[in-house]
């Protein structure tokens, strides 16, 4: 009887270890993915700001409205990831 209980506990602990390890691997993967996305959005926003460093697009009526919407959308992603 004691051997059965010990075997059951051993199997149970093994399953728990596997589940925890698997969960940690997934968390690390998604954390890396999120950090990668954050860096890409930041580079994109910086690139857009560099392109329009003289604010030629942003000040234009038609193009400026679209440019501002694009910039705000990218900034909203930046806020979500923070």
PDB file of N, CA and C in Angstrom:
ATOM      1  N   UNK A   1       0.818  -1.198   0.000  1.00  0.00           N
ATOM      2  CA  UNK A   1       0.000   0.000   0.000  1.00  0.00           C
ATOM      3  C   UNK A   1       0.860   1.260   0.000  1.00  0.00           C
ATOM      4  N   UNK A   2       1.927   1.245   0.772  1.00  0.00           N
ATOM      5  CA  UNK A   2       2.802   2.408   0.847  1.00  0.00           C
ATOM      6  C   UNK A   2       3.501   2.667  -0.489  1.00  0.00           C
ATOM      7  N   UNK A   3       3.816   1.604  -1.166  1.00  0.00           N
ATOM      8  CA  UNK A   3       4.488   1.730  -2.459  1.00  0.00           C
ATOM      9  C   UNK A   3       3.553   2.387  -3.474  1.00  0.00           C
ATOM     10  N   UNK A   4       2.296   2.055  -3.433  1.00  0.00           N
ATOM     11  CA  UNK A   4       1.322   2.638  -4.346  1.00  0.00           C
ATOM     12  C   UNK A   4       1.190   4.139  -4.080  1.00  0.00           C
ATOM     13  N   UNK A   5       1.127   4.516  -2.828  1.00  0.00           N
ATOM     14  CA  UNK A   5       1.020   5.928  -2.474  1.00  0.00           C
ATOM     15  C   UNK A   5       2.276   6.681  -2.917  1.00  0.00           C
ATOM     16  N   UNK A   6       3.420   6.084  -2.699  1.00  0.00           N
ATOM     17  CA  UNK A   6       4.686   6.709  -3.093  1.00  0.00           C
ATOM     18  C   UNK A   6       4.758   6.848  -4.614  1.00  0.00           C
ATOM     19  N   UNK A   7       4.347   5.815  -5.321  1.00  0.00           N
ATOM     20  CA  UNK A   7       4.335   5.888  -6.785  1.00  0.00           C
ATOM     21  C   UNK A   7       3.355   6.947  -7.282  1.00  0.00           C
ATOM     22  N   UNK A   8       2.206   6.990  -6.661  1.00  0.00           N
ATOM     23  CA  UNK A   8       1.211   8.003  -7.035  1.00  0.00           C
ATOM     24  C   UNK A   8       1.766   9.410  -6.812  1.00  0.00           C
ATOM     25  N   UNK A   9       2.390   9.657  -5.680  1.00  0.00           N
ATOM     26  CA  UNK A   9       2.972  10.962  -5.390  1.00  0.00           C
ATOM     27  C   UNK A   9       4.105  11.303  -6.353  1.00  0.00           C
ATOM     28  N   UNK A  10       4.884  10.323  -6.690  1.00  0.00           N
ATOM     29  CA  UNK A  10       5.978  10.523  -7.629  1.00  0.00           C
ATOM     30  C   UNK A  10       5.451  10.908  -9.014  1.00  0.00           C
ATOM     31  N   UNK A  11       4.440  10.196  -9.474  1.00  0.00           N
ATOM     32  CA  UNK A  11       3.828  10.511 -10.771  1.00  0.00           C
ATOM     33  C   UNK A  11       3.166  11.889 -10.722  1.00  0.00           C
ATOM     34  N   UNK A  12       2.478  12.165  -9.621  1.00  0.00           N
ATOM     35  CA  UNK A  12       1.806  13.443  -9.466  1.00  0.00           C
ATOM     36  C   UNK A  12       2.817  14.600  -9.479  1.00  0.00           C
ATOM     37  N   UNK A  13       3.898  14.456  -8.777  1.00  0.00           N
ATOM     38  CA  UNK A  13       4.944  15.479  -8.752  1.00  0.00           C
ATOM     39  C   UNK A  13       5.590  15.638 -10.127  1.00  0.00           C
ATOM     40  N   UNK A  14       5.787  14.552 -10.826  1.00  0.00           N
ATOM     41  CA  UNK A  14       6.368  14.609 -12.164  1.00  0.00           C
ATOM     42  C   UNK A  14       5.462  15.377 -13.121  1.00  0.00           C
ATOM     43  N   UNK A  15       4.172  15.112 -13.027  1.00  0.00           N
ATOM     44  CA  UNK A  15       3.212  15.815 -13.878  1.00  0.00           C
ATOM     45  C   UNK A  15       3.206  17.304 -13.536  1.00  0.00           C
ATOM     46  N   UNK A  16       3.235  17.629 -12.265  1.00  0.00           N
ATOM     47  CA  UNK A  16       3.256  19.031 -11.853  1.00  0.00           C
ATOM     48  C   UNK A  16       4.527  19.737 -12.348  1.00  0.00           C
ATOM     49  N   UNK A  17       5.647  19.088 -12.246  1.00  0.00           N
ATOM     50  CA  UNK A  17       6.897  19.665 -12.728  1.00  0.00           C
ATOM     51  C   UNK A  17       6.830  19.909 -14.233  1.00  0.00           C
ATOM     52  N   UNK A  18       6.303  18.944 -14.940  1.00  0.00           N
ATOM     53  CA  UNK A  18       6.155  19.107 -16.392  1.00  0.00           C
ATOM     54  C   UNK A  18       5.250  20.286 -16.718  1.00  0.00           C
ATOM     55  N   UNK A  19       4.123  20.402 -16.039  1.00  0.00           N
ATOM     56  CA  UNK A  19       3.185  21.491 -16.300  1.00  0.00           C
ATOM     57  C   UNK A  19       3.793  22.854 -15.988  1.00  0.00           C
ATOM     58  N   UNK A  20       4.497  22.945 -14.903  1.00  0.00           N
ATOM     59  CA  UNK A  20       5.129  24.214 -14.537  1.00  0.00           C
ATOM     60  C   UNK A  20       6.210  24.586 -15.557  1.00  0.00           C
ATOM     61  N   UNK A  21       7.020  23.614 -15.930  1.00  0.00           N
ATOM     62  CA  UNK A  21       8.070  23.874 -16.916  1.00  0.00           C
ATOM     63  C   UNK A  21       7.474  24.293 -18.254  1.00  0.00           C
ATOM     64  N   UNK A  22       6.444  23.626 -18.679  1.00  0.00           N
ATOM     65  CA  UNK A  22       5.778  23.958 -19.932  1.00  0.00           C
ATOM     66  C   UNK A  22       5.181  25.362 -19.872  1.00  0.00           C
ATOM     67  N   UNK A  23       4.553  25.683 -18.771  1.00  0.00           N
ATOM     68  CA  UNK A  23       3.963  27.019 -18.604  1.00  0.00           C
ATOM     69  C   UNK A  23       5.043  28.099 -18.612  1.00  0.00           C
ATOM     70  N   UNK A  24       6.144  27.849 -17.949  1.00  0.00           N
ATOM     71  CA  UNK A  24       7.237  28.820 -17.943  1.00  0.00           C
ATOM     72  C   UNK A  24       7.811  29.030 -19.339  1.00  0.00           C
ATOM     73  N   UNK A  25       7.937  27.968 -20.104  1.00  0.00           N
ATOM     74  CA  UNK A  25       8.421  28.096 -21.477  1.00  0.00           C
ATOM     75  C   UNK A  25       7.482  28.952 -22.315  1.00  0.00           C
ATOM     76  N   UNK A  26       6.187  28.754 -22.151  1.00  0.00           N
ATOM     77  CA  UNK A  26       5.216  29.553 -22.899  1.00  0.00           C
ATOM     78  C   UNK A  26       5.267  31.013 -22.477  1.00  0.00           C
ATOM     79  N   UNK A  27       5.376  31.251 -21.194  1.00  0.00           N
ATOM     80  CA  UNK A  27       5.447  32.630 -20.703  1.00  0.00           C
ATOM     81  C   UNK A  27       6.690  33.326 -21.254  1.00  0.00           C
ATOM     82  N   UNK A  28       7.815  32.641 -21.239  1.00  0.00           N
ATOM     83  CA  UNK A  28       9.047  33.223 -21.778  1.00  0.00           C
ATOM     84  C   UNK A  28       8.919  33.499 -23.265  1.00  0.00           C
ATOM     85  N   UNK A  29       8.277  32.605 -24.000  1.00  0.00           N
ATOM     86  CA  UNK A  29       8.085  32.813 -25.431  1.00  0.00           C
ATOM     87  C   UNK A  29       7.229  34.050 -25.689  1.00  0.00           C
ATOM     88  N   UNK A  30       6.103  34.154 -24.994  1.00  0.00           N
ATOM     89  CA  UNK A  30       5.224  35.294 -25.212  1.00  0.00           C
ATOM     90  C   UNK A  30       5.835  36.596 -24.718  1.00  0.00           C
ATOM     91  N   UNK A  31       6.622  36.530 -23.667  1.00  0.00           N
ATOM     92  CA  UNK A  31       7.313  37.727 -23.188  1.00  0.00           C
ATOM     93  C   UNK A  31       8.306  38.221 -24.240  1.00  0.00           C
ATOM     94  N   UNK A  32       9.032  37.295 -24.834  1.00  0.00           N
ATOM     95  CA  UNK A  32       9.969  37.656 -25.900  1.00  0.00           C
ATOM     96  C   UNK A  32       9.216  38.233 -27.101  1.00  0.00           C
ATOM     97  N   UNK A  33       8.097  37.621 -27.443  1.00  0.00           N
ATOM     98  CA  UNK A  33       7.284  38.088 -28.564  1.00  0.00           C
ATOM     99  C   UNK A  33       6.788  39.515 -28.312  1.00  0.00           C
ATOM    100  N   UNK A  34       6.297  39.773 -27.114  1.00  0.00           N
ATOM    101  CA  UNK A  34       5.783  41.105 -26.777  1.00  0.00           C
ATOM    102  C   UNK A  34       6.903  42.137 -26.802  1.00  0.00           C
ATOM    103  N   UNK A  35       8.052  41.794 -26.256  1.00  0.00           N
ATOM    104  CA  UNK A  35       9.177  42.725 -26.279  1.00  0.00           C
ATOM    105  C   UNK A  35       9.642  43.014 -27.700  1.00  0.00           C
ATOM    106  N   UNK A  36       9.619  41.993 -28.550  1.00  0.00           N
ATOM    107  CA  UNK A  36       9.978  42.185 -29.951  1.00  0.00           C
ATOM    108  C   UNK A  36       8.999  43.126 -30.635  1.00  0.00           C
ATOM    109  N   UNK A  37       7.713  42.938 -30.381  1.00  0.00           N
ATOM    110  CA  UNK A  37       6.693  43.820 -30.972  1.00  0.00           C
ATOM    111  C   UNK A  37       6.876  45.257 -30.485  1.00  0.00           C
ATOM    112  N   UNK A  38       7.157  45.404 -29.195  1.00  0.00           N
ATOM    113  CA  UNK A  38       7.357  46.744 -28.631  1.00  0.00           C
ATOM    114  C   UNK A  38       8.512  47.445 -29.329  1.00  0.00           C
ATOM    115  N   UNK A  39       9.606  46.721 -29.540  1.00  0.00           N
ATOM    116  CA  UNK A  39      10.764  47.319 -30.206  1.00  0.00           C
ATOM    117  C   UNK A  39      10.446  47.685 -31.644  1.00  0.00           C
ATOM    118  N   UNK A  40       9.687  46.848 -32.310  1.00  0.00           N
ATOM    119  CA  UNK A  40       9.312  47.159 -33.698  1.00  0.00           C
ATOM    120  C   UNK A  40       8.412  48.384 -33.770  1.00  0.00           C
ATOM    121  N   UNK A  41       7.442  48.494 -32.863  1.00  0.00           N
ATOM    122  CA  UNK A  41       6.564  49.662 -32.858  1.00  0.00           C
ATOM    123  C   UNK A  41       7.339  50.933 -32.536  1.00  0.00           C
ATOM    124  N   UNK A  42       8.278  50.842 -31.613  1.00  0.00           N
ATOM    125  CA  UNK A  42       9.092  52.005 -31.275  1.00  0.00           C
ATOM    126  C   UNK A  42       9.955  52.428 -32.460  1.00  0.00           C
ATOM    127  N   UNK A  43      10.546  51.451 -33.159  1.00  0.00           N
ATOM    128  CA  UNK A  43      11.341  51.787 -34.349  1.00  0.00           C
ATOM    129  C   UNK A  43      10.475  52.398 -35.432  1.00  0.00           C
ATOM    130  N   UNK A  44       9.275  51.846 -35.606  1.00  0.00           N
ATOM    131  CA  UNK A  44       8.360  52.381 -36.607  1.00  0.00           C
ATOM    132  C   UNK A  44       7.973  53.816 -36.279  1.00  0.00           C
ATOM    133  N   UNK A  45       7.645  54.076 -35.038  1.00  0.00           N
ATOM    134  CA  UNK A  45       7.271  55.428 -34.627  1.00  0.00           C
ATOM    135  C   UNK A  45       8.448  56.381 -34.799  1.00  0.00           C
ATOM    136  N   UNK A  46       9.639  55.947 -34.425  1.00  0.00           N
ATOM    137  CA  UNK A  46      10.821  56.794 -34.604  1.00  0.00           C
ATOM    138  C   UNK A  46      11.102  57.051 -36.075  1.00  0.00           C
ATOM    139  N   UNK A  47      10.919  56.044 -36.900  1.00  0.00           N
ATOM    140  CA  UNK A  47      11.121  56.214 -38.341  1.00  0.00           C
ATOM    141  C   UNK A  47      10.128  57.208 -38.911  1.00  0.00           C
ATOM    142  N   UNK A  48       8.880  57.102 -38.502  1.00  0.00           N
ATOM    143  CA  UNK A  48       7.870  58.048 -38.975  1.00  0.00           C
ATOM    144  C   UNK A  48       8.206  59.464 -38.521  1.00  0.00           C
ATOM    145  N   UNK A  49       8.666  59.599 -37.298  1.00  0.00           N
ATOM    146  CA  UNK A  49       9.050  60.926 -36.803  1.00  0.00           C
ATOM    147  C   UNK A  49      10.266  61.468 -37.563  1.00  0.00           C
ATOM    148  N   UNK A  50      11.212  60.593 -37.905  1.00  0.00           N
ATOM    149  CA  UNK A  50      12.374  61.031 -38.685  1.00  0.00           C
ATOM    150  C   UNK A  50      11.958  61.461 -40.085  1.00  0.00           C
ATOM    151  N   UNK A  51      11.071  60.703 -40.700  1.00  0.00           N
ATOM    152  CA  UNK A  51      10.615  61.037 -42.045  1.00  0.00           C
ATOM    153  C   UNK A  51       9.946  62.399 -42.050  1.00  0.00           C
ATOM    154  N   UNK A  52       9.187  62.672 -41.018  1.00  0.00           N
ATOM    155  CA  UNK A  52       8.471  63.947 -40.950  1.00  0.00           C
ATOM    156  C   UNK A  52       9.119  64.885 -39.930  1.00  0.00           C
ATOM    157  N   UNK A  53      10.447  64.916 -39.907  1.00  0.00           N
ATOM    158  CA  UNK A  53      11.144  65.760 -38.929  1.00  0.00           C
ATOM    159  C   UNK A  53      10.859  67.238 -39.145  1.00  0.00           C
ATOM    160  N   UNK A  54      10.571  67.633 -40.380  1.00  0.00           N
ATOM    161  CA  UNK A  54      10.246  69.033 -40.668  1.00  0.00           C
ATOM    162  C   UNK A  54       8.740  69.294 -40.584  1.00  0.00           C
ATOM    163  N   UNK A  55       7.991  68.275 -40.210  1.00  0.00           N
ATOM    164  CA  UNK A  55       6.534  68.337 -40.056  1.00  0.00           C
ATOM    165  C   UNK A  55       5.820  68.786 -41.333  1.00  0.00           C
ATOM    166  N   UNK A  56       6.377  68.366 -42.482  1.00  0.00           N
ATOM    167  CA  UNK A  56       5.741  68.712 -43.752  1.00  0.00           C
ATOM    168  C   UNK A  56       4.446  67.939 -43.954  1.00  0.00           C
ATOM    169  N   UNK A  57       4.454  66.655 -43.574  1.00  0.00           N
ATOM    170  CA  UNK A  57       3.241  65.858 -43.728  1.00  0.00           C
ATOM    171  C   UNK A  57       2.223  66.208 -42.653  1.00  0.00           C
ATOM    172  N   UNK A  58       2.721  66.370 -41.450  1.00  0.00           N
ATOM    173  CA  UNK A  58       1.825  66.576 -40.315  1.00  0.00           C
ATOM    174  C   UNK A  58       1.065  67.893 -40.440  1.00  0.00           C
ATOM    175  N   UNK A  59       1.675  68.906 -41.030  1.00  0.00           N
ATOM    176  CA  UNK A  59       1.026  70.218 -41.144  1.00  0.00           C
ATOM    177  C   UNK A  59       0.089  70.305 -42.347  1.00  0.00           C
ATOM    178  N   UNK A  60       0.262  69.443 -43.316  1.00  0.00           N
ATOM    179  CA  UNK A  60      -0.607  69.440 -44.486  1.00  0.00           C
ATOM    180  C   UNK A  60      -2.003  69.003 -44.073  1.00  0.00           C
ATOM    181  N   UNK A  61      -3.034  69.616 -44.648  1.00  0.00           N
ATOM    182  CA  UNK A  61      -4.408  69.335 -44.221  1.00  0.00           C
ATOM    183  C   UNK A  61      -4.828  67.896 -44.480  1.00  0.00           C
ATOM    184  N   UNK A  62      -4.757  67.465 -45.732  1.00  0.00           N
ATOM    185  CA  UNK A  62      -5.233  66.121 -46.079  1.00  0.00           C
ATOM    186  C   UNK A  62      -4.279  65.036 -45.583  1.00  0.00           C
ATOM    187  N   UNK A  63      -3.031  65.176 -45.931  1.00  0.00           N
ATOM    188  CA  UNK A  63      -2.041  64.173 -45.546  1.00  0.00           C
ATOM    189  C   UNK A  63      -1.816  64.207 -44.039  1.00  0.00           C
ATOM    190  N   UNK A  64      -1.869  65.389 -43.463  1.00  0.00           N
ATOM    191  CA  UNK A  64      -1.630  65.539 -42.026  1.00  0.00           C
ATOM    192  C   UNK A  64      -2.631  64.788 -41.184  1.00  0.00           C
ATOM    193  N   UNK A  65      -3.888  64.768 -41.616  1.00  0.00           N
ATOM    194  CA  UNK A  65      -4.923  64.052 -40.860  1.00  0.00           C
ATOM    195  C   UNK A  65      -4.627  62.549 -40.860  1.00  0.00           C
ATOM    196  N   UNK A  66      -4.277  62.011 -42.008  1.00  0.00           N
ATOM    197  CA  UNK A  66      -3.964  60.588 -42.106  1.00  0.00           C
ATOM    198  C   UNK A  66      -2.684  60.285 -41.334  1.00  0.00           C
ATOM    199  N   UNK A  67      -1.695  61.150 -41.487  1.00  0.00           N
ATOM    200  CA  UNK A  67      -0.428  60.956 -40.778  1.00  0.00           C
ATOM    201  C   UNK A  67      -0.653  60.963 -39.271  1.00  0.00           C
ATOM    202  N   UNK A  68      -1.457  61.875 -38.794  1.00  0.00           N
ATOM    203  CA  UNK A  68      -1.750  61.963 -37.359  1.00  0.00           C
ATOM    204  C   UNK A  68      -2.481  60.717 -36.880  1.00  0.00           C
ATOM    205  N   UNK A  69      -3.415  60.217 -37.660  1.00  0.00           N
ATOM    206  CA  UNK A  69      -4.133  58.997 -37.279  1.00  0.00           C
ATOM    207  C   UNK A  69      -3.188  57.804 -37.211  1.00  0.00           C
ATOM    208  N   UNK A  70      -2.279  57.693 -38.182  1.00  0.00           N
ATOM    209  CA  UNK A  70      -1.316  56.596 -38.176  1.00  0.00           C
ATOM    210  C   UNK A  70      -0.422  56.702 -36.948  1.00  0.00           C
ATOM    211  N   UNK A  71       0.051  57.898 -36.667  1.00  0.00           N
ATOM    212  CA  UNK A  71       0.926  58.105 -35.523  1.00  0.00           C
ATOM    213  C   UNK A  71       0.200  57.800 -34.210  1.00  0.00           C
ATOM    214  N   UNK A  72      -1.042  58.222 -34.094  1.00  0.00           N
ATOM    215  CA  UNK A  72      -1.824  57.941 -32.885  1.00  0.00           C
ATOM    216  C   UNK A  72      -2.072  56.447 -32.713  1.00  0.00           C
ATOM    217  N   UNK A  73      -2.310  55.755 -33.817  1.00  0.00           N
ATOM    218  CA  UNK A  73      -2.535  54.309 -33.755  1.00  0.00           C
ATOM    219  C   UNK A  73      -1.283  53.592 -33.267  1.00  0.00           C
ATOM    220  N   UNK A  74      -0.138  53.983 -33.774  1.00  0.00           N
ATOM    221  CA  UNK A  74       1.121  53.377 -33.332  1.00  0.00           C
ATOM    222  C   UNK A  74       1.366  53.690 -31.864  1.00  0.00           C
ATOM    223  N   UNK A  75       1.094  54.912 -31.446  1.00  0.00           N
ATOM    224  CA  UNK A  75       1.275  55.286 -30.044  1.00  0.00           C
ATOM    225  C   UNK A  75       0.318  54.517 -29.140  1.00  0.00           C
ATOM    226  N   UNK A  76      -0.879  54.198 -29.633  1.00  0.00           N
ATOM    227  CA  UNK A  76      -1.814  53.423 -28.819  1.00  0.00           C
ATOM    228  C   UNK A  76      -1.275  52.004 -28.595  1.00  0.00           C
ATOM    229  N   UNK A  77      -0.621  51.429 -29.616  1.00  0.00           N
ATOM    230  CA  UNK A  77       0.021  50.120 -29.428  1.00  0.00           C
ATOM    231  C   UNK A  77       1.130  50.233 -28.396  1.00  0.00           C
ATOM    232  N   UNK A  78       1.866  51.331 -28.461  1.00  0.00           N
ATOM    233  CA  UNK A  78       2.954  51.549 -27.514  1.00  0.00           C
ATOM    234  C   UNK A  78       2.398  51.605 -26.086  1.00  0.00           C
ATOM    235  N   UNK A  79       1.257  52.253 -25.912  1.00  0.00           N
ATOM    236  CA  UNK A  79       0.645  52.355 -24.584  1.00  0.00           C
ATOM    237  C   UNK A  79       0.117  51.017 -24.103  1.00  0.00           C
ATOM    238  N   UNK A  80      -0.388  50.212 -24.996  1.00  0.00           N
ATOM    239  CA  UNK A  80      -0.912  48.888 -24.617  1.00  0.00           C
ATOM    240  C   UNK A  80       0.214  48.013 -24.104  1.00  0.00           C
ATOM    241  N   UNK A  81       1.373  48.093 -24.731  1.00  0.00           N
ATOM    242  CA  UNK A  81       2.482  47.225 -24.376  1.00  0.00           C
ATOM    243  C   UNK A  81       3.199  47.670 -23.103  1.00  0.00           C
ATOM    244  N   UNK A  82       2.957  48.879 -22.658  1.00  0.00           N
ATOM    245  CA  UNK A  82       3.620  49.349 -21.424  1.00  0.00           C
ATOM    246  C   UNK A  82       2.993  48.835 -20.187  1.00  0.00           C
TER     247      UNK A  82
END
